Amino acid sequence: MAYISLILMSVLVSFGQILLKSISQELDFSSIKAIFNTLKKPSFILVITVTIIGILLYTYALTQLPLGIAFSFNSLSNLFVVIGSYFFLKEKLNKKQLIGLTLIILGIITMTL
């Protein structure tokens, strides 16, 4: 169950980052009042909610696994963000990113063996 919670954490945190990027143009930080209005937006609340759930899942995993293994799964978030931004935000992938993603996968596999 701990590994599943780590994967879910990575998916949720990645989803939150992709959503935050997609709504970032509509967020207003020009004044204190605007910041408080931003905090009330449903899309921003969703970003915060999925991030908090991800943190709770990670905290659960920390009770079940050594920190070195649990922390290595944070790299999955990088993988999911790059892939998600390619599909949902239409951002481009370059050769360096593909090599980096491959190394992340190999690193996680190595850490969990």
Protein backbone atom coordinates (compact mmCIF):
# COMPACT_ATOMS: atom_id res chain seq x y z
CA MET A 1 0.00 0.00 0.00
CA ALA A 2 2.90 2.38 0.68
CA TYR A 3 4.15 2.17 -2.91
CA ILE A 4 0.64 2.80 -4.23
CA SER A 5 0.34 5.87 -2.02
CA LEU A 6 3.68 7.15 -3.37
CA ILE A 7 2.53 6.72 -6.96
CA LEU A 8 -0.80 8.41 -6.18
CA MET A 9 1.07 11.22 -4.43
CA SER A 10 3.18 11.77 -7.53
CA VAL A 11 0.15 11.77 -9.80
CA LEU A 12 -1.78 14.21 -7.60
CA VAL A 13 1.13 16.61 -7.10
CA SER A 14 1.84 16.50 -10.84
CA PHE A 15 -1.81 17.13 -11.66
CA GLY A 16 -1.74 20.09 -9.28
CA GLN A 17 1.35 21.54 -10.99
CA ILE A 18 -0.11 21.12 -14.47
CA LEU A 19 -3.41 22.66 -13.37
CA LEU A 20 -1.57 25.54 -11.67
CA LYS A 21 0.37 26.23 -14.86
CA SER A 22 -2.82 26.15 -16.94
CA ILE A 23 -4.64 28.63 -14.66
CA SER A 24 -1.63 30.82 -13.86
CA GLN A 25 -2.53 33.41 -16.48
CA GLU A 26 -5.86 34.12 -14.78
CA LEU A 27 -4.41 34.51 -11.28
CA ASP A 28 -3.98 38.03 -9.94
CA PHE A 29 -1.26 38.92 -7.43
CA SER A 30 -1.37 42.68 -7.93
CA SER A 31 -2.67 43.52 -4.46
CA ILE A 32 -3.53 41.92 -1.13
CA LYS A 33 -7.22 41.95 -2.06
CA ALA A 34 -6.48 40.29 -5.42
CA ILE A 35 -4.42 37.61 -3.68
CA PHE A 36 -7.30 36.79 -1.33
CA ASN A 37 -9.67 36.65 -4.32
CA THR A 38 -7.24 34.28 -6.05
CA LEU A 39 -7.29 32.02 -3.00
CA LYS A 40 -11.09 31.74 -3.35
CA LYS A 41 -11.05 30.59 -6.98
CA PRO A 42 -12.30 26.98 -7.34
CA SER A 43 -9.44 26.07 -9.67
CA PHE A 44 -6.86 27.34 -7.16
CA ILE A 45 -8.63 25.54 -4.31
CA LEU A 46 -8.44 22.34 -6.38
CA VAL A 47 -4.67 22.82 -6.81
CA ILE A 48 -4.25 23.23 -3.06
CA THR A 49 -6.54 20.28 -2.29
CA VAL A 50 -4.79 17.76 -4.54
CA THR A 51 -1.41 18.94 -3.28
CA ILE A 52 -2.44 18.47 0.36
CA ILE A 53 -3.84 15.01 -0.39
CA GLY A 54 -0.52 14.18 -2.07
CA ILE A 55 1.37 15.33 1.02
CA LEU A 56 -0.85 13.18 3.24
CA LEU A 57 -0.23 10.14 1.03
CA TYR A 58 3.51 10.81 1.18
CA THR A 59 3.36 11.13 4.95
CA TYR A 60 1.59 7.77 5.16
CA ALA A 61 4.30 6.21 2.97
CA LEU A 62 6.97 7.62 5.28
CA THR A 63 5.45 5.61 8.13
CA GLN A 64 5.85 2.42 6.09
CA LEU A 65 9.11 2.85 4.14
CA PRO A 66 12.63 4.16 4.66
CA LEU A 67 13.01 7.82 3.73
CA GLY A 68 15.56 7.03 1.01
CA ILE A 69 13.08 4.89 -0.87
CA ALA A 70 10.05 7.13 -0.30
CA PHE A 71 11.95 10.27 -1.30
CA SER A 72 13.16 8.69 -4.54
CA PHE A 73 9.52 8.42 -5.60
CA ASN A 74 9.31 12.23 -5.59
CA SER A 75 11.14 11.99 -8.90
CA LEU A 76 8.04 10.40 -10.38
CA SER A 77 6.41 13.80 -10.09
CA ASN A 78 9.02 15.17 -12.52
CA LEU A 79 8.21 12.36 -14.91
CA PHE A 80 4.45 12.91 -14.69
CA VAL A 81 4.76 16.71 -15.00
CA VAL A 82 6.88 16.53 -18.14
CA ILE A 83 4.60 13.94 -19.74
CA GLY A 84 1.44 15.76 -18.62
CA SER A 85 2.69 19.13 -19.85
CA TYR A 86 3.43 17.54 -23.22
CA PHE A 87 -0.10 16.15 -23.58
CA PHE A 88 -2.21 18.75 -21.77
CA LEU A 89 -0.26 22.00 -22.16
CA LYS A 90 1.22 21.14 -25.57
CA GLU A 91 4.75 21.84 -24.36
CA LYS A 92 7.58 20.32 -26.37
CA LEU A 93 9.85 17.50 -25.23
CA ASN A 94 13.50 17.64 -26.16
CA LYS A 95 16.21 15.01 -26.20
CA LYS A 96 17.66 16.07 -22.82
CA GLN A 97 14.26 15.71 -21.16
CA LEU A 98 13.77 12.23 -22.62
CA ILE A 99 17.20 11.18 -21.37
CA GLY A 100 16.41 12.67 -17.95
CA LEU A 101 13.07 10.85 -17.78
CA THR A 102 14.78 7.58 -18.63
CA LEU A 103 17.34 8.16 -15.87
CA ILE A 104 14.56 8.93 -13.38
CA ILE A 105 12.84 5.64 -14.18
CA LEU A 106 16.10 3.71 -13.91
CA GLY A 107 16.94 5.46 -10.65
CA ILE A 108 13.60 4.60 -9.07
CA ILE A 109 13.88 0.99 -10.18
CA THR A 110 17.40 0.80 -8.77
CA MET A 111 16.38 2.35 -5.44
CA THR A 112 13.46 -0.05 -4.92
CA LEU A 113 15.30 -3.28 -5.74
